[in-house]
């Protein structure tokens, strides 16, 4: 293990992974809107069920700003256009 790997391993263990996940969802949505990531790639990396579970969890915690990001991602990526 390199010193850099050791440094980050220690830091990641101290982070709340839910917060990291929420921040990355905002980043993914931004990348999709800029056209640097495809819908198919997002669907392969982030299952719809896990987003729905996260949305329920955030609603229970009354973190509605995060709910907006999750709901927007669900609507844009997983709702088919007719």
PDB file of N, CA and C in Angstrom:
ATOM      1  N   UNK A   1       0.853  -1.169   0.000  1.00  0.00           N
ATOM      2  CA  UNK A   1       0.000   0.000   0.000  1.00  0.00           C
ATOM      3  C   UNK A   1       0.901   1.235   0.000  1.00  0.00           C
ATOM      4  N   UNK A   2       0.588   2.152  -0.891  1.00  0.00           N
ATOM      5  CA  UNK A   2       1.368   3.380  -0.975  1.00  0.00           C
ATOM      6  C   UNK A   2       0.914   4.357   0.116  1.00  0.00           C
ATOM      7  N   UNK A   3       1.734   5.351   0.421  1.00  0.00           N
ATOM      8  CA  UNK A   3       1.324   6.351   1.417  1.00  0.00           C
ATOM      9  C   UNK A   3       0.030   7.073   1.033  1.00  0.00           C
ATOM     10  N   UNK A   4      -0.142   7.323  -0.276  1.00  0.00           N
ATOM     11  CA  UNK A   4      -1.363   7.999  -0.718  1.00  0.00           C
ATOM     12  C   UNK A   4      -2.600   7.124  -0.482  1.00  0.00           C
ATOM     13  N   UNK A   5      -2.491   5.835  -0.786  1.00  0.00           N
ATOM     14  CA  UNK A   5      -3.610   4.916  -0.547  1.00  0.00           C
ATOM     15  C   UNK A   5      -3.931   4.853   0.939  1.00  0.00           C
ATOM     16  N   UNK A   6      -2.921   4.819   1.775  1.00  0.00           N
ATOM     17  CA  UNK A   6      -3.141   4.786   3.221  1.00  0.00           C
ATOM     18  C   UNK A   6      -3.856   6.057   3.689  1.00  0.00           C
ATOM     19  N   UNK A   7      -3.431   7.194   3.170  1.00  0.00           N
ATOM     20  CA  UNK A   7      -4.046   8.463   3.540  1.00  0.00           C
ATOM     21  C   UNK A   7      -5.536   8.466   3.190  1.00  0.00           C
ATOM     22  N   UNK A   8      -5.867   8.091   1.978  1.00  0.00           N
ATOM     23  CA  UNK A   8      -7.262   8.142   1.546  1.00  0.00           C
ATOM     24  C   UNK A   8      -8.099   7.051   2.190  1.00  0.00           C
ATOM     25  N   UNK A   9      -7.517   5.900   2.472  1.00  0.00           N
ATOM     26  CA  UNK A   9      -8.265   4.832   3.145  1.00  0.00           C
ATOM     27  C   UNK A   9      -8.735   5.308   4.507  1.00  0.00           C
ATOM     28  N   UNK A  10      -7.883   5.989   5.208  1.00  0.00           N
ATOM     29  CA  UNK A  10      -8.228   6.521   6.523  1.00  0.00           C
ATOM     30  C   UNK A  10      -9.310   7.591   6.414  1.00  0.00           C
ATOM     31  N   UNK A  11      -9.210   8.458   5.427  1.00  0.00           N
ATOM     32  CA  UNK A  11     -10.188   9.538   5.262  1.00  0.00           C
ATOM     33  C   UNK A  11     -11.559   9.014   4.848  1.00  0.00           C
ATOM     34  N   UNK A  12     -11.587   8.040   3.942  1.00  0.00           N
ATOM     35  CA  UNK A  12     -12.856   7.509   3.451  1.00  0.00           C
ATOM     36  C   UNK A  12     -13.620   6.804   4.568  1.00  0.00           C
ATOM     37  N   UNK A  13     -12.920   6.149   5.457  1.00  0.00           N
ATOM     38  CA  UNK A  13     -13.593   5.469   6.560  1.00  0.00           C
ATOM     39  C   UNK A  13     -14.287   6.464   7.482  1.00  0.00           C
ATOM     40  N   UNK A  14     -13.800   7.692   7.509  1.00  0.00           N
ATOM     41  CA  UNK A  14     -14.390   8.698   8.387  1.00  0.00           C
ATOM     42  C   UNK A  14     -15.547   9.461   7.739  1.00  0.00           C
ATOM     43  N   UNK A  15     -15.738   9.314   6.448  1.00  0.00           N
ATOM     44  CA  UNK A  15     -16.806  10.023   5.750  1.00  0.00           C
ATOM     45  C   UNK A  15     -18.121   9.259   5.849  1.00  0.00           C
ATOM     46  N   UNK A  16     -19.200   9.996   5.819  1.00  0.00           N
ATOM     47  CA  UNK A  16     -20.509   9.371   5.730  1.00  0.00           C
ATOM     48  C   UNK A  16     -20.765   9.057   4.265  1.00  0.00           C
ATOM     49  N   UNK A  17     -20.863   7.790   3.941  1.00  0.00           N
ATOM     50  CA  UNK A  17     -20.980   7.385   2.542  1.00  0.00           C
ATOM     51  C   UNK A  17     -22.270   7.867   1.891  1.00  0.00           C
ATOM     52  N   UNK A  18     -23.294   8.088   2.684  1.00  0.00           N
ATOM     53  CA  UNK A  18     -24.537   8.619   2.119  1.00  0.00           C
ATOM     54  C   UNK A  18     -24.310  10.030   1.578  1.00  0.00           C
ATOM     55  N   UNK A  19     -23.548  10.829   2.304  1.00  0.00           N
ATOM     56  CA  UNK A  19     -23.256  12.184   1.850  1.00  0.00           C
ATOM     57  C   UNK A  19     -22.449  12.156   0.554  1.00  0.00           C
ATOM     58  N   UNK A  20     -21.505  11.260   0.481  1.00  0.00           N
ATOM     59  CA  UNK A  20     -20.699  11.126  -0.728  1.00  0.00           C
ATOM     60  C   UNK A  20     -21.586  10.724  -1.890  1.00  0.00           C
ATOM     61  N   UNK A  21     -22.488   9.804  -1.640  1.00  0.00           N
ATOM     62  CA  UNK A  21     -23.392   9.340  -2.695  1.00  0.00           C
ATOM     63  C   UNK A  21     -24.294  10.474  -3.185  1.00  0.00           C
ATOM     64  N   UNK A  22     -24.834  11.252  -2.256  1.00  0.00           N
ATOM     65  CA  UNK A  22     -25.698  12.366  -2.646  1.00  0.00           C
ATOM     66  C   UNK A  22     -24.935  13.401  -3.467  1.00  0.00           C
ATOM     67  N   UNK A  23     -23.718  13.694  -3.067  1.00  0.00           N
ATOM     68  CA  UNK A  23     -22.912  14.644  -3.843  1.00  0.00           C
ATOM     69  C   UNK A  23     -22.608  14.102  -5.230  1.00  0.00           C
ATOM     70  N   UNK A  24     -22.353  12.807  -5.319  1.00  0.00           N
ATOM     71  CA  UNK A  24     -22.039  12.241  -6.633  1.00  0.00           C
ATOM     72  C   UNK A  24     -23.274  12.207  -7.535  1.00  0.00           C
ATOM     73  N   UNK A  25     -24.454  12.076  -6.965  1.00  0.00           N
ATOM     74  CA  UNK A  25     -25.672  12.101  -7.790  1.00  0.00           C
ATOM     75  C   UNK A  25     -25.858  13.467  -8.431  1.00  0.00           C
ATOM     76  N   UNK A  26     -25.581  14.510  -7.692  1.00  0.00           N
ATOM     77  CA  UNK A  26     -25.649  15.852  -8.261  1.00  0.00           C
ATOM     78  C   UNK A  26     -24.645  16.037  -9.375  1.00  0.00           C
ATOM     79  N   UNK A  27     -23.461  15.481  -9.185  1.00  0.00           N
ATOM     80  CA  UNK A  27     -22.418  15.555 -10.203  1.00  0.00           C
ATOM     81  C   UNK A  27     -22.822  14.775 -11.454  1.00  0.00           C
ATOM     82  N   UNK A  28     -23.392  13.584 -11.272  1.00  0.00           N
ATOM     83  CA  UNK A  28     -23.830  12.768 -12.403  1.00  0.00           C
ATOM     84  C   UNK A  28     -24.913  13.502 -13.193  1.00  0.00           C
ATOM     85  N   UNK A  29     -25.850  14.100 -12.499  1.00  0.00           N
ATOM     86  CA  UNK A  29     -26.916  14.851 -13.167  1.00  0.00           C
ATOM     87  C   UNK A  29     -26.340  16.026 -13.951  1.00  0.00           C
ATOM     88  N   UNK A  30     -25.377  16.699 -13.362  1.00  0.00           N
ATOM     89  CA  UNK A  30     -24.729  17.817 -14.057  1.00  0.00           C
ATOM     90  C   UNK A  30     -23.981  17.332 -15.300  1.00  0.00           C
ATOM     91  N   UNK A  31     -23.279  16.213 -15.184  1.00  0.00           N
ATOM     92  CA  UNK A  31     -22.556  15.651 -16.337  1.00  0.00           C
ATOM     93  C   UNK A  31     -23.532  15.251 -17.440  1.00  0.00           C
ATOM     94  N   UNK A  32     -24.662  14.682 -17.068  1.00  0.00           N
ATOM     95  CA  UNK A  32     -25.659  14.302 -18.077  1.00  0.00           C
ATOM     96  C   UNK A  32     -26.197  15.544 -18.792  1.00  0.00           C
ATOM     97  N   UNK A  33     -26.474  16.583 -18.036  1.00  0.00           N
ATOM     98  CA  UNK A  33     -26.998  17.817 -18.648  1.00  0.00           C
ATOM     99  C   UNK A  33     -25.978  18.477 -19.571  1.00  0.00           C
ATOM    100  N   UNK A  34     -24.681  18.319 -19.280  1.00  0.00           N
ATOM    101  CA  UNK A  34     -23.637  18.860 -20.141  1.00  0.00           C
ATOM    102  C   UNK A  34     -23.339  17.952 -21.323  1.00  0.00           C
ATOM    103  N   UNK A  35     -23.838  16.721 -21.274  1.00  0.00           N
ATOM    104  CA  UNK A  35     -23.632  15.797 -22.377  1.00  0.00           C
ATOM    105  C   UNK A  35     -22.360  14.985 -22.291  1.00  0.00           C
ATOM    106  N   UNK A  36     -21.752  14.892 -21.105  1.00  0.00           N
ATOM    107  CA  UNK A  36     -20.503  14.144 -20.967  1.00  0.00           C
ATOM    108  C   UNK A  36     -20.706  12.722 -20.454  1.00  0.00           C
ATOM    109  N   UNK A  37     -21.945  12.350 -20.166  1.00  0.00           N
ATOM    110  CA  UNK A  37     -22.256  10.971 -19.752  1.00  0.00           C
ATOM    111  C   UNK A  37     -23.592  10.589 -20.372  1.00  0.00           C
ATOM    112  N   UNK A  38     -23.698   9.332 -20.766  1.00  0.00           N
ATOM    113  CA  UNK A  38     -24.921   8.874 -21.426  1.00  0.00           C
ATOM    114  C   UNK A  38     -25.911   8.276 -20.432  1.00  0.00           C
ATOM    115  N   UNK A  39     -27.173   8.310 -20.823  1.00  0.00           N
ATOM    116  CA  UNK A  39     -28.247   7.753 -20.007  1.00  0.00           C
ATOM    117  C   UNK A  39     -28.012   6.270 -19.746  1.00  0.00           C
ATOM    118  N   UNK A  40     -27.564   5.564 -20.761  1.00  0.00           N
ATOM    119  CA  UNK A  40     -27.307   4.123 -20.635  1.00  0.00           C
ATOM    120  C   UNK A  40     -26.229   3.831 -19.590  1.00  0.00           C
ATOM    121  N   UNK A  41     -25.201   4.645 -19.555  1.00  0.00           N
ATOM    122  CA  UNK A  41     -24.126   4.473 -18.583  1.00  0.00           C
ATOM    123  C   UNK A  41     -24.647   4.682 -17.168  1.00  0.00           C
ATOM    124  N   UNK A  42     -25.452   5.699 -16.983  1.00  0.00           N
ATOM    125  CA  UNK A  42     -26.017   5.973 -15.662  1.00  0.00           C
ATOM    126  C   UNK A  42     -26.895   4.821 -15.214  1.00  0.00           C
ATOM    127  N   UNK A  43     -27.728   4.299 -16.108  1.00  0.00           N
ATOM    128  CA  UNK A  43     -28.599   3.176 -15.761  1.00  0.00           C
ATOM    129  C   UNK A  43     -27.799   1.947 -15.357  1.00  0.00           C
ATOM    130  N   UNK A  44     -26.636   1.737 -15.990  1.00  0.00           N
ATOM    131  CA  UNK A  44     -25.817   0.582 -15.655  1.00  0.00           C
ATOM    132  C   UNK A  44     -25.118   0.760 -14.310  1.00  0.00           C
ATOM    133  N   UNK A  45     -24.787   1.978 -13.958  1.00  0.00           N
ATOM    134  CA  UNK A  45     -24.046   2.231 -12.724  1.00  0.00           C
ATOM    135  C   UNK A  45     -24.935   2.436 -11.505  1.00  0.00           C
ATOM    136  N   UNK A  46     -26.113   3.008 -11.716  1.00  0.00           N
ATOM    137  CA  UNK A  46     -26.995   3.349 -10.592  1.00  0.00           C
ATOM    138  C   UNK A  46     -28.352   2.693 -10.814  1.00  0.00           C
ATOM    139  N   UNK A  47     -28.652   1.611 -10.103  1.00  0.00           N
ATOM    140  CA  UNK A  47     -29.953   0.962 -10.263  1.00  0.00           C
ATOM    141  C   UNK A  47     -31.105   1.851  -9.773  1.00  0.00           C
ATOM    142  N   UNK A  48     -32.209   1.765 -10.467  1.00  0.00           N
ATOM    143  CA  UNK A  48     -33.387   2.571 -10.134  1.00  0.00           C
ATOM    144  C   UNK A  48     -33.865   2.293  -8.712  1.00  0.00           C
ATOM    145  N   UNK A  49     -33.847   1.033  -8.313  1.00  0.00           N
ATOM    146  CA  UNK A  49     -34.307   0.669  -6.971  1.00  0.00           C
ATOM    147  C   UNK A  49     -33.499   1.317  -5.865  1.00  0.00           C
ATOM    148  N   UNK A  50     -32.198   1.438  -6.063  1.00  0.00           N
ATOM    149  CA  UNK A  50     -31.373   2.061  -5.030  1.00  0.00           C
ATOM    150  C   UNK A  50     -31.663   3.553  -4.920  1.00  0.00           C
ATOM    151  N   UNK A  51     -31.968   4.181  -6.053  1.00  0.00           N
ATOM    152  CA  UNK A  51     -32.349   5.592  -6.010  1.00  0.00           C
ATOM    153  C   UNK A  51     -33.692   5.779  -5.304  1.00  0.00           C
ATOM    154  N   UNK A  52     -34.616   4.876  -5.564  1.00  0.00           N
ATOM    155  CA  UNK A  52     -35.919   4.964  -4.909  1.00  0.00           C
ATOM    156  C   UNK A  52     -35.787   4.775  -3.395  1.00  0.00           C
ATOM    157  N   UNK A  53     -34.934   3.835  -2.988  1.00  0.00           N
ATOM    158  CA  UNK A  53     -34.700   3.631  -1.552  1.00  0.00           C
ATOM    159  C   UNK A  53     -34.041   4.848  -0.917  1.00  0.00           C
ATOM    160  N   UNK A  54     -33.094   5.444  -1.616  1.00  0.00           N
ATOM    161  CA  UNK A  54     -32.428   6.641  -1.114  1.00  0.00           C
ATOM    162  C   UNK A  54     -33.417   7.798  -1.005  1.00  0.00           C
ATOM    163  N   UNK A  55     -34.326   7.903  -1.953  1.00  0.00           N
ATOM    164  CA  UNK A  55     -35.345   8.953  -1.920  1.00  0.00           C
ATOM    165  C   UNK A  55     -36.239   8.794  -0.691  1.00  0.00           C
ATOM    166  N   UNK A  56     -36.654   7.583  -0.415  1.00  0.00           N
ATOM    167  CA  UNK A  56     -37.475   7.323   0.772  1.00  0.00           C
ATOM    168  C   UNK A  56     -36.710   7.665   2.050  1.00  0.00           C
ATOM    169  N   UNK A  57     -35.433   7.295   2.086  1.00  0.00           N
ATOM    170  CA  UNK A  57     -34.597   7.586   3.247  1.00  0.00           C
ATOM    171  C   UNK A  57     -34.465   9.092   3.466  1.00  0.00           C
ATOM    172  N   UNK A  58     -34.262   9.841   2.404  1.00  0.00           N
ATOM    173  CA  UNK A  58     -34.121  11.296   2.521  1.00  0.00           C
ATOM    174  C   UNK A  58     -35.439  11.965   2.894  1.00  0.00           C
ATOM    175  N   UNK A  59     -36.565  11.419   2.413  1.00  0.00           N
ATOM    176  CA  UNK A  59     -37.875  11.946   2.804  1.00  0.00           C
ATOM    177  C   UNK A  59     -38.091  11.744   4.295  1.00  0.00           C
ATOM    178  N   UNK A  60     -37.711  10.574   4.807  1.00  0.00           N
ATOM    179  CA  UNK A  60     -37.856  10.304   6.232  1.00  0.00           C
ATOM    180  C   UNK A  60     -37.013  11.252   7.082  1.00  0.00           C
ATOM    181  N   UNK A  61     -35.848  11.632   6.567  1.00  0.00           N
ATOM    182  CA  UNK A  61     -34.963  12.562   7.271  1.00  0.00           C
ATOM    183  C   UNK A  61     -35.322  14.022   7.016  1.00  0.00           C
ATOM    184  N   UNK A  62     -36.343  14.238   6.172  1.00  0.00           N
ATOM    185  CA  UNK A  62     -36.817  15.566   5.792  1.00  0.00           C
ATOM    186  C   UNK A  62     -35.711  16.402   5.148  1.00  0.00           C
ATOM    187  N   UNK A  63     -34.940  15.761   4.299  1.00  0.00           N
ATOM    188  CA  UNK A  63     -33.878  16.437   3.542  1.00  0.00           C
ATOM    189  C   UNK A  63     -34.379  16.636   2.118  1.00  0.00           C
ATOM    190  N   UNK A  64     -35.263  17.602   1.974  1.00  0.00           N
ATOM    191  CA  UNK A  64     -35.993  17.775   0.731  1.00  0.00           C
ATOM    192  C   UNK A  64     -35.125  18.310  -0.407  1.00  0.00           C
ATOM    193  N   UNK A  65     -34.064  19.047  -0.089  1.00  0.00           N
ATOM    194  CA  UNK A  65     -33.166  19.515  -1.149  1.00  0.00           C
ATOM    195  C   UNK A  65     -32.510  18.326  -1.850  1.00  0.00           C
ATOM    196  N   UNK A  66     -32.130  17.322  -1.057  1.00  0.00           N
ATOM    197  CA  UNK A  66     -31.544  16.114  -1.638  1.00  0.00           C
ATOM    198  C   UNK A  66     -32.592  15.308  -2.401  1.00  0.00           C
ATOM    199  N   UNK A  67     -33.828  15.348  -1.913  1.00  0.00           N
ATOM    200  CA  UNK A  67     -34.916  14.654  -2.607  1.00  0.00           C
ATOM    201  C   UNK A  67     -35.114  15.224  -4.011  1.00  0.00           C
ATOM    202  N   UNK A  68     -34.943  16.527  -4.145  1.00  0.00           N
ATOM    203  CA  UNK A  68     -35.116  17.162  -5.444  1.00  0.00           C
ATOM    204  C   UNK A  68     -34.112  16.606  -6.445  1.00  0.00           C
ATOM    205  N   UNK A  69     -32.851  16.474  -6.017  1.00  0.00           N
ATOM    206  CA  UNK A  69     -31.812  15.951  -6.906  1.00  0.00           C
ATOM    207  C   UNK A  69     -32.114  14.515  -7.307  1.00  0.00           C
ATOM    208  N   UNK A  70     -32.496  13.702  -6.335  1.00  0.00           N
ATOM    209  CA  UNK A  70     -32.784  12.283  -6.608  1.00  0.00           C
ATOM    210  C   UNK A  70     -33.985  12.158  -7.536  1.00  0.00           C
ATOM    211  N   UNK A  71     -35.039  12.909  -7.255  1.00  0.00           N
ATOM    212  CA  UNK A  71     -36.257  12.858  -8.067  1.00  0.00           C
ATOM    213  C   UNK A  71     -35.982  13.341  -9.491  1.00  0.00           C
ATOM    214  N   UNK A  72     -35.174  14.373  -9.615  1.00  0.00           N
ATOM    215  CA  UNK A  72     -34.821  14.889 -10.938  1.00  0.00           C
ATOM    216  C   UNK A  72     -34.067  13.831 -11.735  1.00  0.00           C
ATOM    217  N   UNK A  73     -33.128  13.154 -11.089  1.00  0.00           N
ATOM    218  CA  UNK A  73     -32.374  12.094 -11.754  1.00  0.00           C
ATOM    219  C   UNK A  73     -33.303  10.956 -12.167  1.00  0.00           C
ATOM    220  N   UNK A  74     -34.216  10.562 -11.286  1.00  0.00           N
ATOM    221  CA  UNK A  74     -35.182   9.509 -11.626  1.00  0.00           C
ATOM    222  C   UNK A  74     -36.051   9.917 -12.812  1.00  0.00           C
ATOM    223  N   UNK A  75     -36.526  11.156 -12.799  1.00  0.00           N
ATOM    224  CA  UNK A  75     -37.400  11.622 -13.880  1.00  0.00           C
ATOM    225  C   UNK A  75     -36.668  11.692 -15.218  1.00  0.00           C
ATOM    226  N   UNK A  76     -35.461  12.201 -15.207  1.00  0.00           N
ATOM    227  CA  UNK A  76     -34.727  12.390 -16.457  1.00  0.00           C
ATOM    228  C   UNK A  76     -34.210  11.074 -17.014  1.00  0.00           C
ATOM    229  N   UNK A  77     -33.678  10.230 -16.166  1.00  0.00           N
ATOM    230  CA  UNK A  77     -33.009   9.017 -16.638  1.00  0.00           C
ATOM    231  C   UNK A  77     -33.970   7.846 -16.799  1.00  0.00           C
ATOM    232  N   UNK A  78     -34.863   7.648 -15.859  1.00  0.00           N
ATOM    233  CA  UNK A  78     -35.656   6.433 -15.851  1.00  0.00           C
ATOM    234  C   UNK A  78     -37.082   6.571 -16.371  1.00  0.00           C
ATOM    235  N   UNK A  79     -37.519   7.799 -16.647  1.00  0.00           N
ATOM    236  CA  UNK A  79     -38.866   8.000 -17.192  1.00  0.00           C
ATOM    237  C   UNK A  79     -38.772   8.061 -18.710  1.00  0.00           C
ATOM    238  N   UNK A  80     -39.410   7.098 -19.403  1.00  0.00           N
ATOM    239  CA  UNK A  80     -39.315   7.110 -20.870  1.00  0.00           C
ATOM    240  C   UNK A  80     -40.109   8.264 -21.457  1.00  0.00           C
ATOM    241  N   UNK A  81     -39.563   8.820 -22.532  1.00  0.00           N
ATOM    242  CA  UNK A  81     -40.262   9.873 -23.261  1.00  0.00           C
ATOM    243  C   UNK A  81     -41.194   9.235 -24.277  1.00  0.00           C
ATOM    244  N   UNK A  82     -42.399   9.732 -24.373  1.00  0.00           N
ATOM    245  CA  UNK A  82     -43.373   9.186 -25.317  1.00  0.00           C
ATOM    246  C   UNK A  82     -43.445  10.012 -26.568  1.00  0.00           C
TER     247      UNK A  82
END
